Amino acid sequence: MLQKVFGYHIGVVENFNESRYIDDDSSLRRSIDFLERTTKIKSEFTEQYVMLYTPSKKNIKDWKKWFKKNQKTLYWDEKNGEVKPLK
């Protein structure tokens, strides 16, 4: 489940970066928040569309690299529906 959740959020950001279109900007904001919170890597925001910031391609690459390196230190908390660090 952890890979699915992380992959979903990366996918939302990648799709927006490629197409510059999204049906619901709140899903993009949630994905950016999730990725920043989980990886502690802040977005470099390359462009702004109305009130919507776009993370850079470097951000996406860094988030993927971070997850590949650190995924074993995380788990999916089924009860709370969130990714948490292992203790």
PDB file of N, CA and C in Angstrom:
ATOM      1  N   MET A   1       0.823  -1.203   0.000  1.00  0.00           N
ATOM      2  CA  MET A   1       0.000   0.000   0.000  1.00  0.00           C
ATOM      3  C   MET A   1       0.865   1.264   0.000  1.00  0.00           C
ATOM      4  N   LEU A   2       1.983   1.206   0.693  1.00  0.00           N
ATOM      5  CA  LEU A   2       2.878   2.359   0.774  1.00  0.00           C
ATOM      6  C   LEU A   2       3.325   2.809  -0.616  1.00  0.00           C
ATOM      7  N   GLN A   3       3.736   1.854  -1.473  1.00  0.00           N
ATOM      8  CA  GLN A   3       4.169   2.198  -2.825  1.00  0.00           C
ATOM      9  C   GLN A   3       3.024   2.789  -3.640  1.00  0.00           C
ATOM     10  N   LYS A   4       1.821   2.267  -3.448  1.00  0.00           N
ATOM     11  CA  LYS A   4       0.660   2.781  -4.188  1.00  0.00           C
ATOM     12  C   LYS A   4       0.360   4.229  -3.815  1.00  0.00           C
ATOM     13  N   VAL A   5       0.394   4.515  -2.531  1.00  0.00           N
ATOM     14  CA  VAL A   5       0.094   5.869  -2.053  1.00  0.00           C
ATOM     15  C   VAL A   5       1.152   6.855  -2.556  1.00  0.00           C
ATOM     16  N   PHE A   6       2.425   6.497  -2.380  1.00  0.00           N
ATOM     17  CA  PHE A   6       3.495   7.383  -2.840  1.00  0.00           C
ATOM     18  C   PHE A   6       3.416   7.549  -4.354  1.00  0.00           C
ATOM     19  N   GLY A   7       3.214   6.444  -5.066  1.00  0.00           N
ATOM     20  CA  GLY A   7       3.108   6.482  -6.524  1.00  0.00           C
ATOM     21  C   GLY A   7       1.950   7.338  -7.004  1.00  0.00           C
ATOM     22  N   TYR A   8       0.828   7.277  -6.284  1.00  0.00           N
ATOM     23  CA  TYR A   8      -0.330   8.108  -6.640  1.00  0.00           C
ATOM     24  C   TYR A   8       0.047   9.585  -6.582  1.00  0.00           C
ATOM     25  N   HIS A   9       0.665   9.996  -5.473  1.00  0.00           N
ATOM     26  CA  HIS A   9       0.996  11.412  -5.289  1.00  0.00           C
ATOM     27  C   HIS A   9       2.049  11.887  -6.296  1.00  0.00           C
ATOM     28  N   ILE A  10       3.057  11.060  -6.563  1.00  0.00           N
ATOM     29  CA  ILE A  10       4.042  11.398  -7.594  1.00  0.00           C
ATOM     30  C   ILE A  10       3.334  11.522  -8.947  1.00  0.00           C
ATOM     31  N   GLY A  11       2.425  10.603  -9.229  1.00  0.00           N
ATOM     32  CA  GLY A  11       1.693  10.612 -10.496  1.00  0.00           C
ATOM     33  C   GLY A  11       0.874  11.867 -10.698  1.00  0.00           C
ATOM     34  N   VAL A  12       0.220  12.328  -9.648  1.00  0.00           N
ATOM     35  CA  VAL A  12      -0.587  13.561  -9.738  1.00  0.00           C
ATOM     36  C   VAL A  12       0.299  14.734 -10.138  1.00  0.00           C
ATOM     37  N   VAL A  13       1.453  14.867  -9.483  1.00  0.00           N
ATOM     38  CA  VAL A  13       2.364  15.978  -9.769  1.00  0.00           C
ATOM     39  C   VAL A  13       2.968  15.834 -11.165  1.00  0.00           C
ATOM     40  N   GLU A  14       3.392  14.621 -11.533  1.00  0.00           N
ATOM     41  CA  GLU A  14       3.964  14.399 -12.863  1.00  0.00           C
ATOM     42  C   GLU A  14       2.954  14.698 -13.971  1.00  0.00           C
ATOM     43  N   ASN A  15       1.734  14.218 -13.794  1.00  0.00           N
ATOM     44  CA  ASN A  15       0.703  14.467 -14.806  1.00  0.00           C
ATOM     45  C   ASN A  15       0.446  15.954 -14.990  1.00  0.00           C
ATOM     46  N   PHE A  16       0.395  16.684 -13.895  1.00  0.00           N
ATOM     47  CA  PHE A  16       0.184  18.120 -14.016  1.00  0.00           C
ATOM     48  C   PHE A  16       1.378  18.791 -14.685  1.00  0.00           C
ATOM     49  N   ASN A  17       2.592  18.389 -14.308  1.00  0.00           N
ATOM     50  CA  ASN A  17       3.793  18.971 -14.919  1.00  0.00           C
ATOM     51  C   ASN A  17       3.825  18.747 -16.420  1.00  0.00           C
ATOM     52  N   GLU A  18       3.365  17.593 -16.865  1.00  0.00           N
ATOM     53  CA  GLU A  18       3.397  17.259 -18.289  1.00  0.00           C
ATOM     54  C   GLU A  18       2.274  17.938 -19.074  1.00  0.00           C
ATOM     55  N   SER A  19       1.079  17.994 -18.499  1.00  0.00           N
ATOM     56  CA  SER A  19      -0.075  18.485 -19.262  1.00  0.00           C
ATOM     57  C   SER A  19      -0.507  19.904 -18.906  1.00  0.00           C
ATOM     58  N   ARG A  20      -0.116  20.372 -17.719  1.00  0.00           N
ATOM     59  CA  ARG A  20      -0.566  21.674 -17.212  1.00  0.00           C
ATOM     60  C   ARG A  20      -2.089  21.732 -17.079  1.00  0.00           C
ATOM     61  N   TYR A  21      -2.699  20.569 -16.899  1.00  0.00           N
ATOM     62  CA  TYR A  21      -4.147  20.496 -16.730  1.00  0.00           C
ATOM     63  C   TYR A  21      -4.460  19.580 -15.561  1.00  0.00           C
ATOM     64  N   ILE A  22      -5.451  19.980 -14.771  1.00  0.00           N
ATOM     65  CA  ILE A  22      -5.921  19.135 -13.680  1.00  0.00           C
ATOM     66  C   ILE A  22      -7.379  19.485 -13.412  1.00  0.00           C
ATOM     67  N   ASP A  23      -8.193  18.465 -13.175  1.00  0.00           N
ATOM     68  CA  ASP A  23      -9.617  18.685 -12.904  1.00  0.00           C
ATOM     69  C   ASP A  23      -9.840  19.342 -11.554  1.00  0.00           C
ATOM     70  N   ASP A  24      -9.040  18.948 -10.587  1.00  0.00           N
ATOM     71  CA  ASP A  24      -9.262  19.371  -9.204  1.00  0.00           C
ATOM     72  C   ASP A  24      -7.933  19.803  -8.601  1.00  0.00           C
ATOM     73  N   ASP A  25      -7.739  21.117  -8.438  1.00  0.00           N
ATOM     74  CA  ASP A  25      -6.451  21.582  -7.936  1.00  0.00           C
ATOM     75  C   ASP A  25      -6.191  21.176  -6.493  1.00  0.00           C
ATOM     76  N   SER A  26      -7.223  20.815  -5.749  1.00  0.00           N
ATOM     77  CA  SER A  26      -6.999  20.394  -4.366  1.00  0.00           C
ATOM     78  C   SER A  26      -6.229  19.075  -4.320  1.00  0.00           C
ATOM     79  N   SER A  27      -6.405  18.205  -5.320  1.00  0.00           N
ATOM     80  CA  SER A  27      -5.649  16.954  -5.335  1.00  0.00           C
ATOM     81  C   SER A  27      -4.165  17.232  -5.572  1.00  0.00           C
ATOM     82  N   LEU A  28      -3.844  18.211  -6.416  1.00  0.00           N
ATOM     83  CA  LEU A  28      -2.451  18.576  -6.629  1.00  0.00           C
ATOM     84  C   LEU A  28      -1.859  19.148  -5.353  1.00  0.00           C
ATOM     85  N   ARG A  29      -2.580  20.023  -4.706  1.00  0.00           N
ATOM     86  CA  ARG A  29      -2.085  20.610  -3.450  1.00  0.00           C
ATOM     87  C   ARG A  29      -1.859  19.538  -2.390  1.00  0.00           C
ATOM     88  N   ARG A  30      -2.791  18.588  -2.275  1.00  0.00           N
ATOM     89  CA  ARG A  30      -2.637  17.499  -1.302  1.00  0.00           C
ATOM     90  C   ARG A  30      -1.412  16.649  -1.631  1.00  0.00           C
ATOM     91  N   SER A  31      -1.191  16.392  -2.911  1.00  0.00           N
ATOM     92  CA  SER A  31      -0.043  15.579  -3.310  1.00  0.00           C
ATOM     93  C   SER A  31       1.269  16.295  -3.014  1.00  0.00           C
ATOM     94  N   ILE A  32       1.340  17.577  -3.321  1.00  0.00           N
ATOM     95  CA  ILE A  32       2.546  18.347  -3.018  1.00  0.00           C
ATOM     96  C   ILE A  32       2.781  18.353  -1.509  1.00  0.00           C
ATOM     97  N   ASP A  33       1.746  18.609  -0.725  1.00  0.00           N
ATOM     98  CA  ASP A  33       1.871  18.609   0.738  1.00  0.00           C
ATOM     99  C   ASP A  33       2.354  17.248   1.244  1.00  0.00           C
ATOM    100  N   PHE A  34       1.761  16.168   0.719  1.00  0.00           N
ATOM    101  CA  PHE A  34       2.149  14.819   1.126  1.00  0.00           C
ATOM    102  C   PHE A  34       3.628  14.578   0.834  1.00  0.00           C
ATOM    103  N   LEU A  35       4.065  14.896  -0.381  1.00  0.00           N
ATOM    104  CA  LEU A  35       5.451  14.642  -0.771  1.00  0.00           C
ATOM    105  C   LEU A  35       6.431  15.482   0.040  1.00  0.00           C
ATOM    106  N   GLU A  36       6.114  16.735   0.266  1.00  0.00           N
ATOM    107  CA  GLU A  36       6.990  17.598   1.071  1.00  0.00           C
ATOM    108  C   GLU A  36       7.045  17.112   2.515  1.00  0.00           C
ATOM    109  N   ARG A  37       5.913  16.768   3.067  1.00  0.00           N
ATOM    110  CA  ARG A  37       5.841  16.318   4.459  1.00  0.00           C
ATOM    111  C   ARG A  37       6.563  14.984   4.651  1.00  0.00           C
ATOM    112  N   THR A  38       6.371  14.064   3.716  1.00  0.00           N
ATOM    113  CA  THR A  38       6.953  12.733   3.845  1.00  0.00           C
ATOM    114  C   THR A  38       8.461  12.755   3.634  1.00  0.00           C
ATOM    115  N   THR A  39       8.934  13.473   2.623  1.00  0.00           N
ATOM    116  CA  THR A  39      10.357  13.449   2.264  1.00  0.00           C
ATOM    117  C   THR A  39      11.160  14.569   2.921  1.00  0.00           C
ATOM    118  N   LYS A  40      10.483  15.585   3.401  1.00  0.00           N
ATOM    119  CA  LYS A  40      11.133  16.794   3.937  1.00  0.00           C
ATOM    120  C   LYS A  40      11.869  17.566   2.843  1.00  0.00           C
ATOM    121  N   ILE A  41      11.525  17.302   1.567  1.00  0.00           N
ATOM    122  CA  ILE A  41      12.094  18.028   0.433  1.00  0.00           C
ATOM    123  C   ILE A  41      11.054  19.032  -0.050  1.00  0.00           C
ATOM    124  N   LYS A  42      11.366  20.304   0.075  1.00  0.00           N
ATOM    125  CA  LYS A  42      10.436  21.354  -0.317  1.00  0.00           C
ATOM    126  C   LYS A  42      10.462  21.578  -1.825  1.00  0.00           C
ATOM    127  N   SER A  43       9.340  21.973  -2.361  1.00  0.00           N
ATOM    128  CA  SER A  43       9.222  22.261  -3.791  1.00  0.00           C
ATOM    129  C   SER A  43       9.984  23.524  -4.145  1.00  0.00           C
ATOM    130  N   GLU A  44      10.510  23.548  -5.353  1.00  0.00           N
ATOM    131  CA  GLU A  44      11.204  24.731  -5.859  1.00  0.00           C
ATOM    132  C   GLU A  44      10.271  25.596  -6.690  1.00  0.00           C
ATOM    133  N   PHE A  45       9.019  25.216  -6.809  1.00  0.00           N
ATOM    134  CA  PHE A  45       8.011  25.935  -7.589  1.00  0.00           C
ATOM    135  C   PHE A  45       8.568  26.674  -8.793  1.00  0.00           C
ATOM    136  N   THR A  46       8.472  26.040  -9.957  1.00  0.00           N
ATOM    137  CA  THR A  46       9.025  26.633 -11.170  1.00  0.00           C
ATOM    138  C   THR A  46       8.099  27.649 -11.821  1.00  0.00           C
ATOM    139  N   GLU A  47       6.801  27.445 -11.675  1.00  0.00           N
ATOM    140  CA  GLU A  47       5.836  28.340 -12.319  1.00  0.00           C
ATOM    141  C   GLU A  47       4.604  28.467 -11.439  1.00  0.00           C
ATOM    142  N   GLN A  48       3.798  29.470 -11.728  1.00  0.00           N
ATOM    143  CA  GLN A  48       2.542  29.628 -11.000  1.00  0.00           C
ATOM    144  C   GLN A  48       1.402  29.751 -12.003  1.00  0.00           C
ATOM    145  N   TYR A  49       0.387  28.940 -11.817  1.00  0.00           N
ATOM    146  CA  TYR A  49      -0.825  28.999 -12.630  1.00  0.00           C
ATOM    147  C   TYR A  49      -1.967  29.412 -11.716  1.00  0.00           C
ATOM    148  N   VAL A  50      -2.458  30.605 -11.926  1.00  0.00           N
ATOM    149  CA  VAL A  50      -3.486  31.200 -11.076  1.00  0.00           C
ATOM    150  C   VAL A  50      -2.977  31.117  -9.632  1.00  0.00           C
ATOM    151  N   MET A  51      -3.587  30.307  -8.783  1.00  0.00           N
ATOM    152  CA  MET A  51      -3.129  30.167  -7.394  1.00  0.00           C
ATOM    153  C   MET A  51      -2.481  28.799  -7.175  1.00  0.00           C
ATOM    154  N   LEU A  52      -1.922  28.228  -8.225  1.00  0.00           N
ATOM    155  CA  LEU A  52      -1.406  26.869  -8.167  1.00  0.00           C
ATOM    156  C   LEU A  52       0.074  26.854  -8.545  1.00  0.00           C
ATOM    157  N   TYR A  53       0.907  26.398  -7.638  1.00  0.00           N
ATOM    158  CA  TYR A  53       2.335  26.322  -7.899  1.00  0.00           C
ATOM    159  C   TYR A  53       2.705  24.959  -8.465  1.00  0.00           C
ATOM    160  N   THR A  54       3.725  24.934  -9.310  1.00  0.00           N
ATOM    161  CA  THR A  54       4.164  23.706  -9.950  1.00  0.00           C
ATOM    162  C   THR A  54       5.569  23.345  -9.492  1.00  0.00           C
ATOM    163  N   PRO A  55       5.727  22.208  -8.822  1.00  0.00           N
ATOM    164  CA  PRO A  55       7.074  21.766  -8.457  1.00  0.00           C
ATOM    165  C   PRO A  55       7.892  21.479  -9.713  1.00  0.00           C
ATOM    166  N   SER A  56       9.196  21.595  -9.593  1.00  0.00           N
ATOM    167  CA  SER A  56      10.080  21.378 -10.737  1.00  0.00           C
ATOM    168  C   SER A  56      10.252  19.889 -11.032  1.00  0.00           C
ATOM    169  N   LYS A  57      10.779  19.586 -12.212  1.00  0.00           N
ATOM    170  CA  LYS A  57      11.088  18.194 -12.566  1.00  0.00           C
ATOM    171  C   LYS A  57      12.159  17.652 -11.639  1.00  0.00           C
ATOM    172  N   LYS A  58      13.050  18.534 -11.181  1.00  0.00           N
ATOM    173  CA  LYS A  58      14.078  18.129 -10.224  1.00  0.00           C
ATOM    174  C   LYS A  58      13.431  17.680  -8.916  1.00  0.00           C
ATOM    175  N   ASN A  59      12.374  18.384  -8.484  1.00  0.00           N
ATOM    176  CA  ASN A  59      11.663  17.970  -7.278  1.00  0.00           C
ATOM    177  C   ASN A  59      11.136  16.550  -7.423  1.00  0.00           C
ATOM    178  N   ILE A  60      10.515  16.270  -8.557  1.00  0.00           N
ATOM    179  CA  ILE A  60       9.943  14.942  -8.787  1.00  0.00           C
ATOM    180  C   ILE A  60      11.042  13.882  -8.741  1.00  0.00           C
ATOM    181  N   LYS A  61      12.159  14.175  -9.397  1.00  0.00           N
ATOM    182  CA  LYS A  61      13.290  13.247  -9.393  1.00  0.00           C
ATOM    183  C   LYS A  61      13.813  13.035  -7.975  1.00  0.00           C
ATOM    184  N   ASP A  62      13.948  14.121  -7.211  1.00  0.00           N
ATOM    185  CA  ASP A  62      14.438  14.028  -5.829  1.00  0.00           C
ATOM    186  C   ASP A  62      13.471  13.247  -4.945  1.00  0.00           C
ATOM    187  N   TRP A  63      12.161  13.468  -5.099  1.00  0.00           N
ATOM    188  CA  TRP A  63      11.173  12.738  -4.303  1.00  0.00           C
ATOM    189  C   TRP A  63      11.233  11.237  -4.599  1.00  0.00           C
ATOM    190  N   LYS A  64      11.351  10.890  -5.888  1.00  0.00           N
ATOM    191  CA  LYS A  64      11.444   9.473  -6.268  1.00  0.00           C
ATOM    192  C   LYS A  64      12.713   8.839  -5.704  1.00  0.00           C
ATOM    193  N   LYS A  65      13.821   9.552  -5.818  1.00  0.00           N
ATOM    194  CA  LYS A  65      15.104   9.060  -5.309  1.00  0.00           C
ATOM    195  C   LYS A  65      15.022   8.866  -3.793  1.00  0.00           C
ATOM    196  N   TRP A  66      14.431   9.841  -3.106  1.00  0.00           N
ATOM    197  CA  TRP A  66      14.293   9.754  -1.650  1.00  0.00           C
ATOM    198  C   TRP A  66      13.461   8.529  -1.280  1.00  0.00           C
ATOM    199  N   PHE A  67      12.353   8.331  -1.980  1.00  0.00           N
ATOM    200  CA  PHE A  67      11.479   7.205  -1.649  1.00  0.00           C
ATOM    201  C   PHE A  67      12.183   5.879  -1.888  1.00  0.00           C
ATOM    202  N   LYS A  68      12.885   5.764  -2.981  1.00  0.00           N
ATOM    203  CA  LYS A  68      13.603   4.516  -3.277  1.00  0.00           C
ATOM    204  C   LYS A  68      14.597   4.198  -2.160  1.00  0.00           C
ATOM    205  N   LYS A  69      15.265   5.214  -1.666  1.00  0.00           N
ATOM    206  CA  LYS A  69      16.270   5.034  -0.613  1.00  0.00           C
ATOM    207  C   LYS A  69      15.639   4.798   0.766  1.00  0.00           C
ATOM    208  N   ASN A  70      14.489   5.429   1.034  1.00  0.00           N
ATOM    209  CA  ASN A  70      13.935   5.450   2.392  1.00  0.00           C
ATOM    210  C   ASN A  70      12.640   4.682   2.601  1.00  0.00           C
ATOM    211  N   GLN A  71      12.106   4.037   1.580  1.00  0.00           N
ATOM    212  CA  GLN A  71      10.800   3.399   1.732  1.00  0.00           C
ATOM    213  C   GLN A  71      10.766   2.338   2.829  1.00  0.00           C
ATOM    214  N   LYS A  72      11.888   1.733   3.132  1.00  0.00           N
ATOM    215  CA  LYS A  72      11.919   0.696   4.173  1.00  0.00           C
ATOM    216  C   LYS A  72      11.860   1.291   5.573  1.00  0.00           C
ATOM    217  N   THR A  73      11.955   2.611   5.671  1.00  0.00           N
ATOM    218  CA  THR A  73      11.864   3.268   6.976  1.00  0.00           C
ATOM    219  C   THR A  73      10.453   3.779   7.248  1.00  0.00           C
ATOM    220  N   LEU A  74       9.515   3.472   6.332  1.00  0.00           N
ATOM    221  CA  LEU A  74       8.134   3.953   6.433  1.00  0.00           C
ATOM    222  C   LEU A  74       7.158   2.782   6.461  1.00  0.00           C
ATOM    223  N   TYR A  75       5.957   3.058   6.917  1.00  0.00           N
ATOM    224  CA  TYR A  75       4.883   2.065   6.824  1.00  0.00           C
ATOM    225  C   TYR A  75       3.554   2.782   6.627  1.00  0.00           C
ATOM    226  N   TRP A  76       2.567   2.036   6.138  1.00  0.00           N
ATOM    227  CA  TRP A  76       1.225   2.557   5.940  1.00  0.00           C
ATOM    228  C   TRP A  76       0.417   2.267   7.197  1.00  0.00           C
ATOM    229  N   ASP A  77      -0.018   3.302   7.891  1.00  0.00           N
ATOM    230  CA  ASP A  77      -0.850   3.166   9.088  1.00  0.00           C
ATOM    231  C   ASP A  77      -2.297   3.023   8.638  1.00  0.00           C
ATOM    232  N   GLU A  78      -2.766   1.793   8.643  1.00  0.00           N
ATOM    233  CA  GLU A  78      -4.126   1.480   8.161  1.00  0.00           C
ATOM    234  C   GLU A  78      -5.203   2.207   8.966  1.00  0.00           C
ATOM    235  N   LYS A  79      -4.993   2.272  10.276  1.00  0.00           N
ATOM    236  CA  LYS A  79      -5.990   2.888  11.180  1.00  0.00           C
ATOM    237  C   LYS A  79      -6.204   4.373  10.859  1.00  0.00           C
ATOM    238  N   ASN A  80      -5.092   5.094  10.671  1.00  0.00           N
ATOM    239  CA  ASN A  80      -5.173   6.542  10.435  1.00  0.00           C
ATOM    240  C   ASN A  80      -5.125   6.913   8.950  1.00  0.00           C
ATOM    241  N   GLY A  81      -4.845   5.926   8.090  1.00  0.00           N
ATOM    242  CA  GLY A  81      -4.787   6.191   6.661  1.00  0.00           C
ATOM    243  C   GLY A  81      -3.685   7.154   6.271  1.00  0.00           C
ATOM    244  N   GLU A  82      -2.469   6.910   6.818  1.00  0.00           N
ATOM    245  CA  GLU A  82      -1.361   7.794   6.486  1.00  0.00           C
ATOM    246  C   GLU A  82      -0.036   7.059   6.541  1.00  0.00           C
ATOM    247  N   VAL A  83       0.952   7.627   5.888  1.00  0.00           N
ATOM    248  CA  VAL A  83       2.300   7.097   5.901  1.00  0.00           C
ATOM    249  C   VAL A  83       2.997   7.610   7.164  1.00  0.00           C
ATOM    250  N   LYS A  84       3.666   6.685   7.856  1.00  0.00           N
ATOM    251  CA  LYS A  84       4.373   7.060   9.083  1.00  0.00           C
ATOM    252  C   LYS A  84       5.759   6.427   9.075  1.00  0.00           C
ATOM    253  N   PRO A  85       6.700   7.034   9.814  1.00  0.00           N
ATOM    254  CA  PRO A  85       8.038   6.435   9.924  1.00  0.00           C
ATOM    255  C   PRO A  85       7.997   5.255  10.899  1.00  0.00           C
ATOM    256  N   LEU A  86       8.828   4.253  10.611  1.00  0.00           N
ATOM    257  CA  LEU A  86       8.961   3.138  11.550  1.00  0.00           C
ATOM    258  C   LEU A  86       9.641   3.656  12.806  1.00  0.00           C
ATOM    259  N   LYS A  87       9.331   3.086  13.915  1.00  0.00           N
ATOM    260  CA  LYS A  87       9.932   3.540  15.175  1.00  0.00           C
ATOM    261  C   LYS A  87      11.148   2.733  15.520  1.00  0.00           C
TER     262      LYS A  87
END
